[in-house]
Amino acid sequence: MDIFVYVVLPLAGVILGWFIRWLFARFQLSSSEQKANRIVSDALKEAEAKKKEAILESKDELLRERNQLERETRERRIELQRMERRLLQKEENLEKRVETLEKQERSIGTRERAAQDREAELEQESQKVAVELERISGLSRAEAKKQLIQSLENEARHDAQVTVNLIEQEAKLSADKKARDILVTSIQRLAAEVASEVTVTTVSLPNDEMKGRIIGREGRNIRTLETLTGVDVIIDDTPEAVVISCFDPIRREIARTVLNRLIADGRIHPARIEEIVQKVTKEIGQTIYEEGEKALFEVGIHTMSPELIRTLGRLHYRTSYGQNVLAHSKEVAEIAGMIAAEVGGNVEIAKRAALLHDIGKGVESDGEGNHIEIGMELARKMGEDTRVINAIGSHHGDLEPETVEAVIVQTADAVSASRPGARKETLDSYLKRLENLEGIAEEFEGVDKAYAIQAGRELRILVNNEKVTDEAAKELAKGIAKRIEGELKYPGRIKVTIIRELRVVEYAR
């Protein structure tokens, strides 16, 4: 019994456990095989389904392509039918034209034969007539032909000459009338002021006591003012008035403004005069530039170099032949623009050249040359158009005008300058003489500034005290006087005054 319990039962349990594990493993194996079979079966079904789906998509794509191909084929067939109809129609038209041309050719052939027959008849008749004419006139055919040709040639020449004369007369009359109409219209459309040319300016004083303050102790105030501005201040018996005399209008304007400010301020002494002169000179410079810009705006020119604008503004203070030069230049520009528009010229070039035609009169130049040469050189240096430069050089006939705009500027300048009282040749010569006086003095070594005052009867010269000694100043005055005597013609005599002073400036800080 114990052996059964301890041996048989455990052995039976082991066998039973092994059997159970065998059964379980067999069950799991069977389950795995079934699962694998299911997976394979599902995969086969899915593959079959995808195969069918791919076949269906392929059939659909094939169907779509077939339909597309059929549509394109139908469209091409329709287009080909349309082209075929057009070709047939063109062929029919060509056939009709060929038939028409053949008919015309047959008709022309018939006419040619008729014309040839007629020509043969006329030739026979002309031979008969020629023989008869030769018998009557006593001339051969060649001689008669030559006379006939000569007669026709003379008649044609006469008629042509008559026609040419008529055309020339009509063109001349028309051109003269057109030119008069253009000039009259331009003048009528322009309203300009006429300014008189003067060389003196009168400054009103609040009272006669102010004259003594302007003169200053031992004349130092008036001497300082005249030295710094280059003008001649005339204080005479005229009540409550001082006269400023100078041929240079910019200096005269600076002196007038300085004197008015000193009178209003009340502090009149050399240091104050020098301070006011510096301020006014700077303000006048700004005014000059603004006047140049204003002239450009009024004429309608938008671009110009600052140097030309500044030189143009200086013309605001210059007068020539009884006219303000800047106003004259603007007037010429307006007239030139109108004429250019009428005759088909370049309006912009005409206006620009007209505005700059007297620019040489505003140049501060120590060199030789008239205002035309100086103006051309300045315009060339500032990069102006060659047409503008030629118009500047030819507006007085010094150069040959090369463009229609140059001729227009000549005409416009003549129209503007021909106003009553505009031409004053003696005054222009007088101003030229004063400029030559200053130019002669400034050519000498050591001269800083030179001013022609007292209407050209005195030449006041400021020299550099470091370069010119007292003894050299005497020799300098004699040399300048001899140079003036040898080069200039003038009435009376000219006083040459040399001013040499030592000025020391130091600042206390």
Protein backbone atom coordinates (compact mmCIF):
# COMPACT_ATOMS: atom_id res chain seq x y z
CA MET A 1 0.00 0.00 0.00
CA ASP A 2 2.81 2.34 0.84
CA ILE A 3 4.57 1.40 -2.38
CA PHE A 4 1.38 2.22 -4.30
CA VAL A 5 1.10 5.54 -2.63
CA TYR A 6 4.73 6.60 -2.93
CA VAL A 7 5.54 5.07 -6.33
CA VAL A 8 2.47 4.31 -8.40
CA LEU A 9 0.54 7.50 -7.66
CA PRO A 10 3.39 9.91 -8.44
CA LEU A 11 4.18 7.94 -11.59
CA ALA A 12 0.52 8.07 -12.57
CA GLY A 13 0.51 11.82 -11.83
CA VAL A 14 3.56 12.35 -14.01
CA ILE A 15 2.04 10.35 -16.82
CA LEU A 16 -1.22 12.18 -16.42
CA GLY A 17 0.53 15.58 -16.42
CA TRP A 18 2.53 14.68 -19.50
CA PHE A 19 -0.65 13.55 -21.23
CA ILE A 20 -2.42 16.74 -20.31
CA ARG A 21 0.50 18.87 -21.61
CA TRP A 22 0.52 16.78 -24.77
CA LEU A 23 -3.18 17.39 -25.20
CA PHE A 24 -2.75 21.14 -24.51
CA ALA A 25 0.14 21.40 -26.94
CA ARG A 26 -1.85 19.48 -29.50
CA PHE A 27 -4.73 21.87 -28.94
CA GLN A 28 -2.47 24.93 -29.30
CA LEU A 29 -0.90 23.52 -32.43
CA SER A 30 -4.29 22.89 -33.91
CA SER A 31 -5.39 26.42 -32.94
CA SER A 32 -2.24 27.97 -34.52
CA GLU A 33 -2.76 25.99 -37.70
CA GLN A 34 -6.35 27.15 -37.84
CA LYS A 35 -5.24 30.76 -37.23
CA ALA A 36 -2.58 30.48 -39.88
CA ASN A 37 -5.09 29.01 -42.25
CA ARG A 38 -7.47 31.86 -41.49
CA ILE A 39 -4.72 34.42 -42.10
CA VAL A 40 -3.75 32.78 -45.34
CA SER A 41 -7.39 32.55 -46.32
CA ASP A 42 -7.96 36.23 -45.44
CA ALA A 43 -4.81 37.22 -47.32
CA LEU A 44 -5.95 35.28 -50.35
CA LYS A 45 -9.38 36.89 -50.15
CA GLU A 46 -7.87 40.36 -49.75
CA ALA A 47 -5.44 39.76 -52.59
CA GLU A 48 -8.29 38.55 -54.75
CA ALA A 49 -10.33 41.64 -53.81
CA LYS A 50 -7.43 43.99 -54.60
CA LYS A 51 -6.84 42.13 -57.84
CA LYS A 52 -10.46 42.58 -58.79
CA GLU A 53 -10.30 46.26 -57.72
CA ALA A 54 -7.13 46.84 -59.75
CA ILE A 55 -8.73 45.11 -62.73
CA LEU A 56 -11.79 47.33 -62.36
CA GLU A 57 -9.67 50.51 -62.05
CA SER A 58 -7.67 49.45 -65.09
CA LYS A 59 -10.87 48.87 -67.01
CA ASP A 60 -12.20 52.29 -65.87
CA GLU A 61 -8.94 54.04 -66.86
CA LEU A 62 -8.93 52.21 -70.16
CA LEU A 63 -12.54 53.25 -70.68
CA ARG A 64 -11.78 56.87 -69.87
CA GLU A 65 -8.80 56.93 -72.20
CA ARG A 66 -10.86 55.28 -74.89
CA ASN A 67 -13.59 57.90 -74.44
CA GLN A 68 -10.99 60.72 -74.49
CA LEU A 69 -9.43 59.26 -77.63
CA GLU A 70 -12.82 59.00 -79.25
CA ARG A 71 -13.61 62.65 -78.39
CA GLU A 72 -10.28 63.85 -79.76
CA THR A 73 -10.79 61.70 -82.83
CA ARG A 74 -14.25 63.21 -83.35
CA GLU A 75 -12.90 66.75 -82.88
CA ARG A 76 -10.05 66.12 -85.30
CA ARG A 77 -12.46 64.58 -87.75
CA ILE A 78 -14.70 67.66 -87.45
CA GLU A 79 -11.71 70.00 -87.86
CA LEU A 80 -10.52 68.06 -90.86
CA GLN A 81 -13.99 68.24 -92.37
CA ARG A 82 -14.02 72.01 -91.74
CA MET A 83 -10.61 72.44 -93.32
CA GLU A 84 -11.68 70.26 -96.21
CA ARG A 85 -14.74 72.47 -96.79
CA ARG A 86 -12.54 75.61 -96.67
CA LEU A 87 -10.09 74.06 -99.11
CA LEU A 88 -12.92 73.08 -101.42
CA GLN A 89 -14.31 76.61 -101.21
CA LYS A 90 -10.90 78.11 -101.94
CA GLU A 91 -10.45 75.71 -104.81
CA GLU A 92 -13.81 76.78 -106.21
CA ASN A 93 -12.83 80.44 -105.81
CA LEU A 94 -9.51 79.81 -107.52
CA GLU A 95 -11.27 78.04 -110.33
CA LYS A 96 -13.62 80.99 -110.71
CA ARG A 97 -10.68 83.40 -110.72
CA VAL A 98 -8.85 81.27 -113.25
CA GLU A 99 -11.92 81.32 -115.43
CA THR A 100 -12.21 85.09 -114.99
CA LEU A 101 -8.53 85.58 -115.79
CA GLU A 102 -8.83 83.37 -118.84
CA LYS A 103 -11.78 85.42 -120.01
CA GLN A 104 -9.87 88.64 -119.38
CA GLU A 105 -6.81 87.21 -121.16
CA ARG A 106 -8.93 86.28 -124.17
CA SER A 107 -10.50 89.74 -124.10
CA ILE A 108 -7.07 91.38 -123.82
CA GLY A 109 -5.77 89.24 -126.67
CA THR A 110 -8.70 90.33 -128.78
CA ARG A 111 -8.06 93.97 -127.88
CA GLU A 112 -4.37 93.63 -128.54
CA ARG A 113 -5.03 92.23 -131.97
CA ALA A 114 -7.51 95.02 -132.62
CA ALA A 115 -4.98 97.56 -131.30
CA GLN A 116 -2.27 96.08 -133.48
CA ASP A 117 -4.54 96.28 -136.48
CA ARG A 118 -5.45 99.84 -135.57
CA GLU A 119 -1.79 100.67 -134.99
CA ALA A 120 -0.90 99.28 -138.39
CA GLU A 121 -3.63 101.40 -139.96
CA LEU A 122 -2.45 104.48 -138.05
CA GLU A 123 1.14 103.79 -139.04
CA GLN A 124 0.12 103.65 -142.67
CA GLU A 125 -1.89 106.85 -142.28
CA SER A 126 0.96 108.56 -140.36
CA GLN A 127 3.39 107.60 -143.09
CA LYS A 128 1.05 109.10 -145.61
CA VAL A 129 0.62 112.24 -143.48
CA ALA A 130 4.40 112.46 -142.86
CA VAL A 131 5.09 112.22 -146.57
CA GLU A 132 2.51 114.90 -147.21
CA LEU A 133 3.90 117.11 -144.41
CA GLU A 134 7.44 116.69 -145.71
CA ARG A 135 6.20 117.67 -149.15
CA ILE A 136 4.32 120.73 -147.80
CA SER A 137 6.87 121.95 -145.17
CA GLY A 138 10.00 121.02 -146.99
CA LEU A 139 11.43 119.45 -143.76
CA SER A 140 12.50 115.90 -143.16
CA ARG A 141 10.89 113.79 -140.44
CA ALA A 142 13.95 114.03 -138.17
CA GLU A 143 14.06 117.82 -138.50
CA ALA A 144 10.35 118.19 -137.82
CA LYS A 145 10.62 115.88 -134.81
CA LYS A 146 13.55 117.89 -133.46
CA GLN A 147 11.68 121.19 -133.84
CA LEU A 148 8.60 119.76 -132.20
CA ILE A 149 10.58 118.43 -129.23
CA GLN A 150 12.40 121.73 -128.84
CA SER A 151 9.13 123.66 -128.95
CA LEU A 152 7.57 121.40 -126.32
CA GLU A 153 10.69 121.66 -124.15
CA ASN A 154 10.67 125.48 -124.30
CA GLU A 155 7.00 125.60 -123.48
CA ALA A 156 7.47 123.21 -120.53
CA ARG A 157 10.37 125.27 -119.19
CA HIS A 158 8.38 128.49 -119.46
CA ASP A 159 5.41 126.97 -117.63
CA ALA A 160 7.69 125.49 -114.95
CA GLN A 161 9.43 128.85 -114.40
CA VAL A 162 6.09 130.65 -114.11
CA THR A 163 4.92 128.05 -111.57
CA VAL A 164 8.15 128.31 -109.57
CA ASN A 165 7.90 132.12 -109.46
CA LEU A 166 4.31 131.94 -108.27
CA ILE A 167 5.22 129.39 -105.59
CA GLU A 168 8.17 131.51 -104.39
CA GLN A 169 6.03 134.65 -104.22
CA GLU A 170 3.26 132.88 -102.36
CA ALA A 171 5.75 131.23 -99.98
CA LYS A 172 7.47 134.55 -99.28
CA LEU A 173 4.18 136.34 -98.65
CA SER A 174 2.96 133.48 -96.48
CA ALA A 175 6.24 133.29 -94.55
CA ASP A 176 6.31 137.06 -93.95
CA LYS A 177 2.72 137.05 -92.79
CA LYS A 178 3.30 134.00 -90.59
CA ALA A 179 6.41 135.57 -89.05
CA ARG A 180 4.56 138.83 -88.35
CA ASP A 181 1.64 136.95 -86.82
CA ILE A 182 3.96 134.92 -84.58
CA LEU A 183 5.88 137.99 -83.38
CA VAL A 184 2.74 140.09 -82.86
CA THR A 185 1.02 137.25 -81.00
CA SER A 186 4.07 136.67 -78.81
CA ILE A 187 4.37 140.36 -77.96
CA GLN A 188 0.65 140.71 -77.24
CA ARG A 189 0.73 137.68 -74.90
CA LEU A 190 3.64 139.17 -72.91
CA ALA A 191 3.21 141.93 -70.39
CA ALA A 192 6.61 143.13 -69.12
CA GLU A 193 7.84 146.08 -67.13
CA VAL A 194 10.48 148.50 -68.44
CA ALA A 195 13.03 149.45 -65.79
CA SER A 196 15.20 152.58 -66.05
CA GLU A 197 18.91 152.21 -65.44
CA VAL A 198 20.40 154.24 -62.59
CA THR A 199 23.71 154.32 -60.75
CA VAL A 200 22.64 156.14 -57.59
CA THR A 201 20.31 155.30 -54.72
CA THR A 202 18.76 157.76 -52.27
CA VAL A 203 18.37 156.80 -48.60
CA SER A 204 15.89 158.79 -46.51
CA LEU A 205 16.97 159.98 -43.05
CA PRO A 206 14.72 160.62 -40.04
CA ASN A 207 16.42 164.01 -39.50
CA ASP A 208 19.47 166.00 -40.57
CA GLU A 209 21.28 165.20 -37.31
CA MET A 210 21.68 161.63 -38.58
CA LYS A 211 24.10 162.90 -41.26
CA GLY A 212 26.66 163.80 -38.58
CA ARG A 213 26.34 160.36 -36.99
CA ILE A 214 26.82 158.70 -40.38
CA ILE A 215 29.98 160.75 -40.99
CA GLY A 216 31.31 160.00 -37.47
CA ARG A 217 34.28 161.44 -35.64
CA GLU A 218 36.84 162.65 -38.19
CA GLY A 219 34.79 160.84 -40.85
CA ARG A 220 35.64 157.32 -39.62
CA ASN A 221 32.08 155.95 -39.96
CA ILE A 222 31.53 157.03 -43.55
CA ARG A 223 35.07 156.03 -44.47
CA THR A 224 34.54 152.54 -43.01
CA LEU A 225 31.23 152.17 -44.85
CA GLU A 226 32.74 153.25 -48.17
CA THR A 227 35.80 151.01 -47.71
CA LEU A 228 33.81 147.88 -46.83
CA THR A 229 31.11 148.26 -49.48
CA GLY A 230 33.03 149.92 -52.32
CA VAL A 231 30.50 152.74 -52.83
CA ASP A 232 30.60 156.49 -52.62
CA VAL A 233 28.31 157.99 -49.92
CA ILE A 234 27.40 161.56 -50.88
CA ILE A 235 26.18 163.78 -48.05
CA ASP A 236 25.21 167.22 -49.31
CA ASP A 237 22.62 169.91 -48.60
CA THR A 238 19.71 167.71 -49.64
CA PRO A 239 17.41 167.67 -46.58
CA GLU A 240 16.98 164.33 -44.80
CA ALA A 241 18.59 162.30 -47.58
CA VAL A 242 21.88 160.58 -48.38
CA VAL A 243 22.92 159.51 -51.88
CA ILE A 244 24.79 156.24 -52.51
CA SER A 245 26.70 156.22 -55.81
CA CYS A 246 28.19 153.09 -57.42
CA PHE A 247 28.02 151.52 -60.86
CA ASP A 248 27.79 148.02 -59.33
CA PRO A 249 24.14 147.54 -58.28
CA ILE A 250 24.95 144.74 -55.81
CA ARG A 251 27.38 146.91 -53.89
CA ARG A 252 24.86 149.76 -54.01
CA GLU A 253 22.11 147.48 -52.65
CA ILE A 254 24.39 146.20 -49.86
CA ALA A 255 25.29 149.78 -48.87
CA ARG A 256 21.65 150.90 -48.95
CA THR A 257 20.51 148.00 -46.76
CA VAL A 258 23.40 148.50 -44.31
CA LEU A 259 22.69 152.21 -44.03
CA ASN A 260 18.97 151.64 -43.42
CA ARG A 261 19.71 149.12 -40.67
CA LEU A 262 22.26 151.37 -39.01
CA ILE A 263 19.76 154.25 -39.03
CA ALA A 264 17.04 152.02 -37.54
CA ASP A 265 19.43 150.57 -34.93
CA GLY A 266 20.98 153.87 -33.95
CA ARG A 267 24.38 152.36 -33.11
CA ILE A 268 26.75 153.69 -35.77
CA HIS A 269 30.45 152.97 -35.27
CA PRO A 270 33.11 151.09 -37.32
CA ALA A 271 32.76 147.75 -35.54
CA ARG A 272 28.96 147.82 -35.88
CA ILE A 273 29.23 148.85 -39.53
CA GLU A 274 31.55 145.92 -40.26
CA GLU A 275 29.19 143.50 -38.50
CA ILE A 276 26.14 144.74 -40.40
CA VAL A 277 28.04 144.66 -43.74
CA GLN A 278 28.94 140.99 -43.19
CA LYS A 279 25.33 140.06 -42.33
CA VAL A 280 23.83 142.00 -45.24
CA THR A 281 26.39 140.57 -47.69
CA LYS A 282 25.40 137.06 -46.63
CA GLU A 283 21.67 137.90 -46.91
CA ILE A 284 22.13 139.45 -50.35
CA GLY A 285 23.93 136.27 -51.43
CA GLN A 286 20.94 134.21 -50.30
CA THR A 287 18.56 136.62 -52.05
CA ILE A 288 20.58 136.27 -55.25
CA TYR A 289 20.18 132.47 -55.19
CA GLU A 290 16.45 132.75 -54.42
CA GLU A 291 15.95 135.18 -57.32
CA GLY A 292 17.67 132.68 -59.62
CA GLU A 293 15.39 129.86 -58.45
CA LYS A 294 12.35 132.11 -58.80
CA ALA A 295 13.29 132.93 -62.40
CA LEU A 296 13.59 129.21 -63.21
CA PHE A 297 10.16 128.54 -61.69
CA GLU A 298 8.51 131.40 -63.59
CA VAL A 299 9.97 130.31 -66.92
CA GLY A 300 9.25 126.60 -66.31
CA ILE A 301 12.80 125.21 -66.22
CA HIS A 302 13.25 122.54 -63.56
CA THR A 303 16.95 121.63 -63.48
CA MET A 304 20.07 123.80 -63.48
CA SER A 305 23.42 123.76 -61.69
CA PRO A 306 23.68 125.86 -58.48
CA GLU A 307 26.47 127.98 -59.98
CA LEU A 308 24.26 128.96 -62.93
CA ILE A 309 21.32 129.66 -60.60
CA ARG A 310 23.51 131.95 -58.47
CA THR A 311 24.89 133.77 -61.51
CA LEU A 312 21.37 134.12 -62.90
CA GLY A 313 20.22 135.63 -59.60
CA ARG A 314 22.97 138.29 -59.81
CA LEU A 315 21.25 139.59 -62.93
CA HIS A 316 18.42 140.73 -60.63
CA TYR A 317 20.68 143.59 -59.57
CA ARG A 318 22.07 144.33 -63.03
CA THR A 319 20.59 146.63 -65.63
CA SER A 320 21.53 146.95 -69.27
CA TYR A 321 20.17 149.17 -72.04
CA GLY A 322 17.48 150.50 -69.71
CA GLN A 323 16.20 147.09 -68.65
CA ASN A 324 16.70 144.90 -65.63
CA VAL A 325 18.81 142.07 -67.03
CA LEU A 326 16.99 139.26 -65.17
CA ALA A 327 13.58 140.62 -66.16
CA HIS A 328 14.84 140.99 -69.74
CA SER A 329 16.14 137.38 -69.71
CA LYS A 330 12.80 136.04 -68.44
CA GLU A 331 10.96 138.10 -71.04
CA VAL A 332 13.20 136.75 -73.81
CA ALA A 333 12.63 133.19 -72.53
CA GLU A 334 8.84 133.62 -72.64
CA ILE A 335 8.93 135.09 -76.16
CA ALA A 336 11.33 132.37 -77.36
CA GLY A 337 9.10 129.64 -75.93
CA MET A 338 6.05 131.06 -77.72
CA ILE A 339 7.88 131.37 -81.05
CA ALA A 340 9.36 127.86 -80.74
CA ALA A 341 5.91 126.43 -80.09
CA GLU A 342 4.55 128.19 -83.17
CA VAL A 343 7.33 127.16 -85.58
CA GLY A 344 7.82 123.63 -84.24
CA GLY A 345 11.16 124.14 -82.48
CA ASN A 346 12.32 122.64 -79.19
CA VAL A 347 10.50 124.78 -76.61
CA GLU A 348 12.64 123.64 -73.66
CA ILE A 349 15.96 124.34 -75.41
CA ALA A 350 14.69 127.69 -76.70
CA LYS A 351 13.57 128.80 -73.23
CA ARG A 352 16.76 127.60 -71.55
CA ALA A 353 19.03 129.30 -74.10
CA ALA A 354 17.00 132.52 -73.94
CA LEU A 355 17.12 132.62 -70.15
CA LEU A 356 20.90 132.12 -70.18
CA HIS A 357 21.74 134.30 -73.20
CA ASP A 358 23.02 137.20 -71.00
CA ILE A 359 24.38 135.01 -68.17
CA GLY A 360 27.87 136.39 -68.78
CA LYS A 361 26.76 139.76 -67.38
CA GLY A 362 26.29 138.17 -63.95
CA VAL A 363 29.71 136.51 -63.77
CA GLU A 364 32.28 137.96 -61.38
CA SER A 365 35.27 137.60 -63.66
CA ASP A 366 38.65 139.25 -63.66
CA GLY A 367 39.57 137.87 -67.07
CA GLU A 368 39.14 139.40 -70.48
CA GLY A 369 36.24 138.84 -72.82
CA ASN A 370 32.75 140.19 -73.34
CA HIS A 371 29.62 138.81 -71.72
CA ILE A 372 29.03 136.46 -74.69
CA GLU A 373 32.39 134.72 -74.37
CA ILE A 374 32.13 134.58 -70.58
CA GLY A 375 28.59 133.20 -70.78
CA MET A 376 29.56 130.51 -73.31
CA GLU A 377 32.52 129.43 -71.18
CA LEU A 378 30.35 129.22 -68.04
CA ALA A 379 27.61 127.25 -69.83
CA ARG A 380 30.19 124.88 -71.31
CA LYS A 381 31.76 124.38 -67.88
CA MET A 382 28.37 123.63 -66.33
CA GLY A 383 27.63 120.96 -68.96
CA GLU A 384 24.87 122.77 -70.85
CA ASP A 385 23.59 121.48 -74.20
CA THR A 386 25.65 122.51 -77.25
CA ARG A 387 22.51 124.06 -78.74
CA VAL A 388 22.22 126.33 -75.68
CA ILE A 389 25.90 127.31 -75.92
CA ASN A 390 25.57 128.14 -79.62
CA ALA A 391 22.46 130.26 -78.94
CA ILE A 392 24.35 132.21 -76.23
CA GLY A 393 27.25 132.84 -78.60
CA SER A 394 25.13 133.82 -81.59
CA HIS A 395 22.43 136.02 -80.02
CA HIS A 396 24.35 139.18 -81.06
CA GLY A 397 25.65 137.69 -84.31
CA ASP A 398 29.18 136.99 -83.03
CA LEU A 399 28.80 133.35 -84.09
CA GLU A 400 26.78 131.72 -86.85
CA PRO A 401 23.54 130.21 -85.48
CA GLU A 402 23.55 126.44 -85.99
CA THR A 403 19.99 125.62 -84.88
CA VAL A 404 16.51 127.05 -85.27
CA GLU A 405 16.49 127.63 -81.48
CA ALA A 406 19.51 129.96 -81.81
CA VAL A 407 17.66 132.02 -84.45
CA ILE A 408 14.60 132.10 -82.17
CA VAL A 409 16.72 133.47 -79.29
CA GLN A 410 18.12 136.17 -81.61
CA THR A 411 14.59 137.18 -82.59
CA ALA A 412 13.23 137.12 -79.03
CA ASP A 413 16.18 139.20 -77.76
CA ALA A 414 15.59 141.79 -80.49
CA VAL A 415 11.86 141.95 -79.66
CA SER A 416 12.53 142.43 -75.94
CA ALA A 417 15.30 144.99 -76.46
CA SER A 418 13.39 147.09 -78.99
CA ARG A 419 11.05 148.64 -76.45
CA PRO A 420 11.00 152.51 -76.35
CA GLY A 421 13.99 153.93 -74.47
CA ALA A 422 15.68 150.58 -74.04
CA ARG A 423 18.83 151.28 -76.02
CA LYS A 424 21.31 153.54 -74.21
CA GLU A 425 24.68 152.90 -75.74
CA THR A 426 26.47 155.70 -73.86
CA LEU A 427 25.40 154.33 -70.47
CA ASP A 428 26.56 150.83 -71.41
CA SER A 429 29.93 152.20 -72.50
CA TYR A 430 30.14 154.11 -69.22
CA LEU A 431 29.59 150.94 -67.19
CA LYS A 432 32.14 149.10 -69.30
CA ARG A 433 34.69 151.84 -68.57
CA LEU A 434 34.11 151.55 -64.81
CA GLU A 435 34.57 147.77 -64.99
CA ASN A 436 37.81 148.26 -66.94
CA LEU A 437 39.05 150.69 -64.29
CA GLU A 438 38.62 148.11 -61.55
CA GLY A 439 40.08 145.35 -63.75
CA ILE A 440 43.28 147.32 -64.42
CA ALA A 441 43.87 147.94 -60.71
CA GLU A 442 43.20 144.33 -59.69
CA GLU A 443 45.87 143.07 -62.09
CA PHE A 444 48.66 144.65 -60.02
CA GLU A 445 50.52 142.66 -57.35
CA GLY A 446 49.35 143.26 -53.78
CA VAL A 447 45.89 144.70 -54.66
CA ASP A 448 43.08 143.10 -52.64
CA LYS A 449 40.06 145.08 -53.88
CA ALA A 450 39.40 147.97 -56.24
CA TYR A 451 36.28 150.14 -56.42
CA ALA A 452 35.41 152.72 -59.08
CA ILE A 453 33.43 155.51 -57.34
CA GLN A 454 32.39 159.12 -57.95
CA ALA A 455 30.89 158.08 -61.33
CA GLY A 456 34.30 156.81 -62.40
CA ARG A 457 36.22 159.94 -61.39
CA GLU A 458 37.96 158.12 -58.53
CA LEU A 459 39.49 154.66 -58.24
CA ARG A 460 39.76 153.52 -54.61
CA ILE A 461 42.17 150.60 -54.07
CA LEU A 462 42.70 148.47 -50.95
CA VAL A 463 46.14 146.82 -50.79
CA ASN A 464 47.65 144.08 -48.65
CA ASN A 465 49.81 145.83 -46.03
CA GLU A 466 52.13 142.81 -45.81
CA LYS A 467 52.92 142.80 -49.53
CA VAL A 468 52.87 146.57 -50.19
CA THR A 469 54.92 149.04 -48.16
CA ASP A 470 54.23 152.76 -47.91
CA GLU A 471 56.87 153.54 -50.54
CA ALA A 472 55.61 150.73 -52.78
CA ALA A 473 52.06 152.12 -52.47
CA LYS A 474 53.22 155.41 -54.02
CA GLU A 475 54.84 153.58 -56.91
CA LEU A 476 51.74 151.40 -57.27
CA ALA A 477 49.48 154.46 -57.57
CA LYS A 478 51.72 155.94 -60.27
CA GLY A 479 51.83 152.64 -62.16
CA ILE A 480 48.05 152.25 -62.13
CA ALA A 481 47.56 155.88 -63.24
CA LYS A 482 49.95 155.42 -66.19
CA ARG A 483 48.23 152.17 -67.14
CA ILE A 484 44.82 153.91 -67.15
CA GLU A 485 46.19 156.77 -69.27
CA GLY A 486 47.58 154.34 -71.80
CA GLU A 487 44.60 151.96 -72.13
CA LEU A 488 41.41 153.95 -71.47
CA LYS A 489 39.70 156.95 -73.02
CA TYR A 490 37.80 159.14 -70.56
CA PRO A 491 36.74 162.76 -70.03
CA GLY A 492 38.47 164.85 -67.34
CA ARG A 493 40.79 163.08 -64.92
CA ILE A 494 40.63 160.03 -62.63
CA LYS A 495 41.88 160.11 -59.04
CA VAL A 496 43.74 156.96 -57.92
CA THR A 497 43.59 156.45 -54.13
CA ILE A 498 45.63 153.72 -52.43
CA ILE A 499 44.47 152.65 -48.93
CA ARG A 500 46.95 150.68 -46.84
CA GLU A 501 45.98 149.93 -43.25
CA LEU A 502 47.08 147.55 -40.54
CA ARG A 503 44.28 145.64 -38.87
CA VAL A 504 45.01 143.43 -35.86
CA VAL A 505 42.28 141.19 -34.43
CA GLU A 506 42.53 139.32 -31.14
CA TYR A 507 39.87 137.69 -28.95
CA ALA A 508 39.71 137.76 -25.13
CA ARG A 509 38.39 134.48 -23.81
